[in-house]
Amino acid sequence: MTHTYEALKDDVKLHSSGELQTLLYCGLDLYLQIKESHWTLAGREFLSVHRLLDDVASCVSDAVDDIAERIAQLGVRPRGTLQMAAEHSNLLPYPHDVDSIDRHIEVISERLAFFTSECVRVIGSVDEQGDVISADLLTSRAREIDKLLWLVESHLPTKTYK
């Protein structure tokens, strides 16, 4: 760990950076899964979903960047190579047999929901240790991604309100 003037105790910095690193791997994987879907979908609603997935990927990319920068602020080197993300991500792999826009939307919705739930878990963990800045950062990003989840899943034909 590199010395920083961050006011948190070293053990809190290490705890937070470890939790954030787990999210970083997952976020990098999520970004690439969204791009996989974006590149391979085809069908009637292609253009609107294609554009939406670009927006979602951009938001996830921004979140990943913020997470990596926060890890560095805590005095730890963020690890974000494709190989590391593939080895350490806890996100389910993208299925190779996705053949409809509806299925792409389902898969991406599931992945976004998982990432948001992981953010919520980490928010609780780092907040409990007193790292309110990391918790606030993740709260902001999780809120954005959760809203995008709603926009993505609203494209499903079975989405109805009761």
C-alpha atoms as a PDB file:
ATOM      1  CA  MET A   1       0.000   0.000   0.000  1.00  0.00           C
ATOM      2  CA  THR A   2       1.251   3.439  -0.938  1.00  0.00           C
ATOM      3  CA  HIS A   3       1.139   6.259   1.584  1.00  0.00           C
ATOM      4  CA  THR A   4      -1.753   8.667   1.019  1.00  0.00           C
ATOM      5  CA  TYR A   5      -3.079  11.556   3.043  1.00  0.00           C
ATOM      6  CA  GLU A   6      -6.509   9.922   3.011  1.00  0.00           C
ATOM      7  CA  ALA A   7      -7.692  10.221   6.629  1.00  0.00           C
ATOM      8  CA  LEU A   8      -8.886   6.620   6.955  1.00  0.00           C
ATOM      9  CA  LYS A   9      -6.887   4.108   8.960  1.00  0.00           C
ATOM     10  CA  ASP A  10      -4.760   1.697   6.924  1.00  0.00           C
ATOM     11  CA  ASP A  11      -6.877  -1.330   7.809  1.00  0.00           C
ATOM     12  CA  VAL A  12      -9.996   0.498   6.579  1.00  0.00           C
ATOM     13  CA  LYS A  13      -8.212   1.509   3.365  1.00  0.00           C
ATOM     14  CA  LEU A  14      -7.210  -2.107   2.767  1.00  0.00           C
ATOM     15  CA  HIS A  15     -10.707  -3.361   3.510  1.00  0.00           C
ATOM     16  CA  SER A  16     -12.354  -0.821   1.219  1.00  0.00           C
ATOM     17  CA  SER A  17      -9.851  -1.277  -1.588  1.00  0.00           C
ATOM     18  CA  GLY A  18     -10.366  -5.054  -1.464  1.00  0.00           C
ATOM     19  CA  GLU A  19     -14.137  -4.710  -1.663  1.00  0.00           C
ATOM     20  CA  LEU A  20     -13.836  -2.134  -4.439  1.00  0.00           C
ATOM     21  CA  GLN A  21     -11.427  -4.366  -6.346  1.00  0.00           C
ATOM     22  CA  THR A  22     -14.040  -7.133  -6.349  1.00  0.00           C
ATOM     23  CA  LEU A  23     -16.521  -4.659  -7.852  1.00  0.00           C
ATOM     24  CA  LEU A  24     -13.943  -3.483 -10.361  1.00  0.00           C
ATOM     25  CA  TYR A  25     -13.515  -6.992 -11.747  1.00  0.00           C
ATOM     26  CA  CYS A  26     -17.273  -7.458 -11.919  1.00  0.00           C
ATOM     27  CA  GLY A  27     -17.807  -4.035 -13.518  1.00  0.00           C
ATOM     28  CA  LEU A  28     -15.212  -4.655 -16.218  1.00  0.00           C
ATOM     29  CA  ASP A  29     -16.843  -7.993 -16.996  1.00  0.00           C
ATOM     30  CA  LEU A  30     -20.283  -6.366 -17.035  1.00  0.00           C
ATOM     31  CA  TYR A  31     -19.097  -3.667 -19.431  1.00  0.00           C
ATOM     32  CA  LEU A  32     -17.798  -6.255 -21.885  1.00  0.00           C
ATOM     33  CA  GLN A  33     -20.950  -8.373 -21.584  1.00  0.00           C
ATOM     34  CA  ILE A  34     -23.066  -5.325 -22.431  1.00  0.00           C
ATOM     35  CA  LYS A  35     -20.856  -4.642 -25.447  1.00  0.00           C
ATOM     36  CA  GLU A  36     -21.152  -8.308 -26.492  1.00  0.00           C
ATOM     37  CA  SER A  37     -24.915  -7.945 -26.444  1.00  0.00           C
ATOM     38  CA  HIS A  38     -24.726  -4.575 -28.199  1.00  0.00           C
ATOM     39  CA  TRP A  39     -22.602  -6.023 -30.996  1.00  0.00           C
ATOM     40  CA  THR A  40     -24.595  -9.207 -31.554  1.00  0.00           C
ATOM     41  CA  LEU A  41     -28.257  -8.338 -31.167  1.00  0.00           C
ATOM     42  CA  ALA A  42     -30.563  -8.229 -34.165  1.00  0.00           C
ATOM     43  CA  GLY A  43     -34.291  -7.891 -34.589  1.00  0.00           C
ATOM     44  CA  ARG A  44     -37.226  -5.542 -34.825  1.00  0.00           C
ATOM     45  CA  GLU A  45     -36.194  -3.191 -31.993  1.00  0.00           C
ATOM     46  CA  PHE A  46     -32.515  -3.323 -32.918  1.00  0.00           C
ATOM     47  CA  LEU A  47     -31.792   0.385 -33.174  1.00  0.00           C
ATOM     48  CA  SER A  48     -33.432   1.496 -29.930  1.00  0.00           C
ATOM     49  CA  VAL A  49     -31.942  -1.353 -27.886  1.00  0.00           C
ATOM     50  CA  HIS A  50     -28.546  -0.940 -29.583  1.00  0.00           C
ATOM     51  CA  ARG A  51     -28.473   2.734 -28.597  1.00  0.00           C
ATOM     52  CA  LEU A  52     -29.742   2.007 -25.087  1.00  0.00           C
ATOM     53  CA  LEU A  53     -26.997  -0.571 -24.542  1.00  0.00           C
ATOM     54  CA  ASP A  54     -24.420   2.002 -25.645  1.00  0.00           C
ATOM     55  CA  ASP A  55     -25.723   4.340 -22.930  1.00  0.00           C
ATOM     56  CA  VAL A  56     -25.697   1.541 -20.357  1.00  0.00           C
ATOM     57  CA  ALA A  57     -22.146   0.510 -21.286  1.00  0.00           C
ATOM     58  CA  SER A  58     -21.000   4.123 -21.002  1.00  0.00           C
ATOM     59  CA  CYS A  59     -22.504   4.446 -17.512  1.00  0.00           C
ATOM     60  CA  VAL A  60     -20.914   1.180 -16.380  1.00  0.00           C
ATOM     61  CA  SER A  61     -17.577   2.307 -17.843  1.00  0.00           C
ATOM     62  CA  ASP A  62     -17.802   5.559 -15.867  1.00  0.00           C
ATOM     63  CA  ALA A  63     -18.608   3.614 -12.694  1.00  0.00           C
ATOM     64  CA  VAL A  64     -15.641   1.298 -13.271  1.00  0.00           C
ATOM     65  CA  ASP A  65     -13.383   4.313 -13.735  1.00  0.00           C
ATOM     66  CA  ASP A  66     -14.622   5.889 -10.498  1.00  0.00           C
ATOM     67  CA  ILE A  67     -14.123   2.629  -8.614  1.00  0.00           C
ATOM     68  CA  ALA A  68     -10.566   2.208  -9.925  1.00  0.00           C
ATOM     69  CA  GLU A  69      -9.716   5.802  -9.060  1.00  0.00           C
ATOM     70  CA  ARG A  70     -11.101   5.377  -5.537  1.00  0.00           C
ATOM     71  CA  ILE A  71      -8.914   2.294  -5.056  1.00  0.00           C
ATOM     72  CA  ALA A  72      -5.904   4.394  -6.082  1.00  0.00           C
ATOM     73  CA  GLN A  73      -6.994   7.188  -3.715  1.00  0.00           C
ATOM     74  CA  LEU A  74      -6.873   4.628  -0.920  1.00  0.00           C
ATOM     75  CA  GLY A  75      -3.222   3.926  -1.760  1.00  0.00           C
ATOM     76  CA  VAL A  76      -3.697   0.597  -3.536  1.00  0.00           C
ATOM     77  CA  ARG A  77      -2.981  -0.148  -7.183  1.00  0.00           C
ATOM     78  CA  PRO A  78      -6.221  -1.022  -8.987  1.00  0.00           C
ATOM     79  CA  ARG A  79      -6.043  -4.187 -11.070  1.00  0.00           C
ATOM     80  CA  GLY A  80      -8.087  -4.077 -14.229  1.00  0.00           C
ATOM     81  CA  THR A  81      -6.695  -6.124 -17.058  1.00  0.00           C
ATOM     82  CA  LEU A  82      -9.069  -8.234 -19.105  1.00  0.00           C
ATOM     83  CA  GLN A  83      -7.293 -11.379 -17.929  1.00  0.00           C
ATOM     84  CA  MET A  84      -7.647 -10.424 -14.258  1.00  0.00           C
ATOM     85  CA  ALA A  85     -11.302  -9.519 -14.676  1.00  0.00           C
ATOM     86  CA  ALA A  86     -11.993 -12.821 -16.420  1.00  0.00           C
ATOM     87  CA  GLU A  87     -10.265 -14.741 -13.644  1.00  0.00           C
ATOM     88  CA  HIS A  88     -11.807 -12.905 -10.688  1.00  0.00           C
ATOM     89  CA  SER A  89     -15.241 -11.648 -11.751  1.00  0.00           C
ATOM     90  CA  ASN A  90     -18.165 -13.213  -9.925  1.00  0.00           C
ATOM     91  CA  LEU A  91     -20.568 -12.296 -12.734  1.00  0.00           C
ATOM     92  CA  LEU A  92     -22.073 -15.206 -14.641  1.00  0.00           C
ATOM     93  CA  PRO A  93     -20.542 -15.655 -18.123  1.00  0.00           C
ATOM     94  CA  TYR A  94     -22.491 -14.325 -21.078  1.00  0.00           C
ATOM     95  CA  PRO A  95     -24.322 -17.206 -22.766  1.00  0.00           C
ATOM     96  CA  HIS A  96     -23.183 -17.996 -26.320  1.00  0.00           C
ATOM     97  CA  ASP A  97     -26.615 -19.053 -27.560  1.00  0.00           C
ATOM     98  CA  VAL A  98     -28.498 -15.760 -27.193  1.00  0.00           C
ATOM     99  CA  ASP A  99     -30.542 -15.403 -30.364  1.00  0.00           C
ATOM    100  CA  SER A 100     -33.240 -12.805 -29.698  1.00  0.00           C
ATOM    101  CA  ILE A 101     -33.408  -9.227 -28.505  1.00  0.00           C
ATOM    102  CA  ASP A 102     -35.674 -10.300 -25.657  1.00  0.00           C
ATOM    103  CA  ARG A 103     -33.087 -12.796 -24.449  1.00  0.00           C
ATOM    104  CA  HIS A 104     -30.296 -10.190 -24.722  1.00  0.00           C
ATOM    105  CA  ILE A 105     -32.424  -7.853 -22.605  1.00  0.00           C
ATOM    106  CA  GLU A 106     -33.081 -10.577 -20.029  1.00  0.00           C
ATOM    107  CA  VAL A 107     -29.385 -11.443 -19.735  1.00  0.00           C
ATOM    108  CA  ILE A 108     -28.270  -7.827 -19.443  1.00  0.00           C
ATOM    109  CA  SER A 109     -31.053  -7.106 -16.936  1.00  0.00           C
ATOM    110  CA  GLU A 110     -29.926 -10.039 -14.791  1.00  0.00           C
ATOM    111  CA  ARG A 111     -26.311  -8.848 -14.938  1.00  0.00           C
ATOM    112  CA  LEU A 112     -27.199  -5.233 -14.102  1.00  0.00           C
ATOM    113  CA  ALA A 113     -29.321  -6.387 -11.155  1.00  0.00           C
ATOM    114  CA  PHE A 114     -26.452  -8.554  -9.897  1.00  0.00           C
ATOM    115  CA  PHE A 115     -23.960  -5.701 -10.165  1.00  0.00           C
ATOM    116  CA  THR A 116     -26.317  -3.337  -8.348  1.00  0.00           C
ATOM    117  CA  SER A 117     -26.810  -5.881  -5.563  1.00  0.00           C
ATOM    118  CA  GLU A 118     -23.033  -6.283  -5.268  1.00  0.00           C
ATOM    119  CA  CYS A 119     -22.725  -2.488  -5.011  1.00  0.00           C
ATOM    120  CA  VAL A 120     -25.294  -2.480  -2.207  1.00  0.00           C
ATOM    121  CA  ARG A 121     -23.396  -5.242  -0.400  1.00  0.00           C
ATOM    122  CA  VAL A 122     -20.113  -3.335  -0.687  1.00  0.00           C
ATOM    123  CA  ILE A 123     -21.788  -0.075   0.368  1.00  0.00           C
ATOM    124  CA  GLY A 124     -22.817  -1.747   3.623  1.00  0.00           C
ATOM    125  CA  SER A 125     -19.392  -3.273   4.126  1.00  0.00           C
ATOM    126  CA  VAL A 126     -17.347  -0.109   3.595  1.00  0.00           C
ATOM    127  CA  ASP A 127     -19.845   2.077   5.459  1.00  0.00           C
ATOM    128  CA  GLU A 128     -19.639  -0.248   8.454  1.00  0.00           C
ATOM    129  CA  GLN A 129     -15.866   0.317   8.468  1.00  0.00           C
ATOM    130  CA  GLY A 130     -16.316   4.104   8.350  1.00  0.00           C
ATOM    131  CA  ASP A 131     -15.469   4.715   4.683  1.00  0.00           C
ATOM    132  CA  VAL A 132     -18.416   6.957   3.910  1.00  0.00           C
ATOM    133  CA  ILE A 133     -16.766   8.397   0.793  1.00  0.00           C
ATOM    134  CA  SER A 134     -16.549   5.004  -0.929  1.00  0.00           C
ATOM    135  CA  ALA A 135     -20.095   4.254   0.235  1.00  0.00           C
ATOM    136  CA  ASP A 136     -21.341   7.546  -1.211  1.00  0.00           C
ATOM    137  CA  LEU A 137     -19.533   6.980  -4.505  1.00  0.00           C
ATOM    138  CA  LEU A 138     -21.079   3.537  -4.872  1.00  0.00           C
ATOM    139  CA  THR A 139     -24.515   4.778  -3.840  1.00  0.00           C
ATOM    140  CA  SER A 140     -24.433   7.351  -6.616  1.00  0.00           C
ATOM    141  CA  ARG A 141     -23.252   4.872  -9.246  1.00  0.00           C
ATOM    142  CA  ALA A 142     -25.606   2.088  -8.094  1.00  0.00           C
ATOM    143  CA  ARG A 143     -28.528   4.517  -8.325  1.00  0.00           C
ATOM    144  CA  GLU A 144     -27.627   5.325 -11.950  1.00  0.00           C
ATOM    145  CA  ILE A 145     -27.165   1.690 -12.922  1.00  0.00           C
ATOM    146  CA  ASP A 146     -30.375   0.661 -11.163  1.00  0.00           C
ATOM    147  CA  LYS A 147     -32.287   3.252 -13.190  1.00  0.00           C
ATOM    148  CA  LEU A 148     -30.723   1.895 -16.374  1.00  0.00           C
ATOM    149  CA  LEU A 149     -31.783  -1.594 -15.304  1.00  0.00           C
ATOM    150  CA  TRP A 150     -35.356  -0.319 -15.200  1.00  0.00           C
ATOM    151  CA  LEU A 151     -34.985   1.199 -18.695  1.00  0.00           C
ATOM    152  CA  VAL A 152     -33.490  -1.998 -20.109  1.00  0.00           C
ATOM    153  CA  GLU A 153     -36.013  -4.376 -18.602  1.00  0.00           C
ATOM    154  CA  SER A 154     -38.903  -2.130 -19.648  1.00  0.00           C
ATOM    155  CA  HIS A 155     -38.220  -3.397 -23.178  1.00  0.00           C
ATOM    156  CA  LEU A 156     -39.339  -6.892 -22.233  1.00  0.00           C
ATOM    157  CA  PRO A 157     -42.792  -7.803 -23.572  1.00  0.00           C
ATOM    158  CA  THR A 158     -43.744  -9.425 -20.254  1.00  0.00           C
ATOM    159  CA  LYS A 159     -43.078  -6.255 -18.252  1.00  0.00           C
ATOM    160  CA  THR A 160     -46.378  -5.098 -16.799  1.00  0.00           C
ATOM    161  CA  TYR A 161     -47.402  -3.143 -13.725  1.00  0.00           C
ATOM    162  CA  LYS A 162     -50.002  -4.340 -11.282  1.00  0.00           C
END
